[in-house]
């Protein structure tokens, strides 16, 4: 798999954006590793790398400040859709996020948005269950000390 284009789709707020400036560093059947700069100017976030784990439904990103210091690891629970005819990968954000700070602190975000998306009919029951199960698998891996399995593609960057 070598996509020509990657889109990021969000449910809340509703948007679908072509990540036209992302640079694909590596692509295989298990993951796609990209390098990027922020789309919109942010206070601290300047650039980073993302690894889309196609079979796991997880996107792990390494967020950096402009001085190249690590802010945190940002893990999105996602759903991937591959359009082979057009070589397009669409990553739909399933709203649950897990942040891992350099000091080891962990935060789980946006569970309320997942409930809101269900209430508003923006997410199917099946995708809601997938989101929860993928988040659980990710958290169990983190708690078991296996997060390094998600960070291997980033080594040497």
Foldseek 3Di string as FASTA:
>chain_A
DAAPWEWEAELVVGDIDIQVAWDFPDDDPQWTKTWFADPDDDDFFGIWMWIQGQVLQKIWIFTGGPVRDTAWIKIFRWHWDADPVNRYIYTYGLQWMWTAGPVGDIDIDGPVVNVVCVVVVVDDPVSSVSSVVSVVVQVVCVVVVNCVVVCVVVPPD
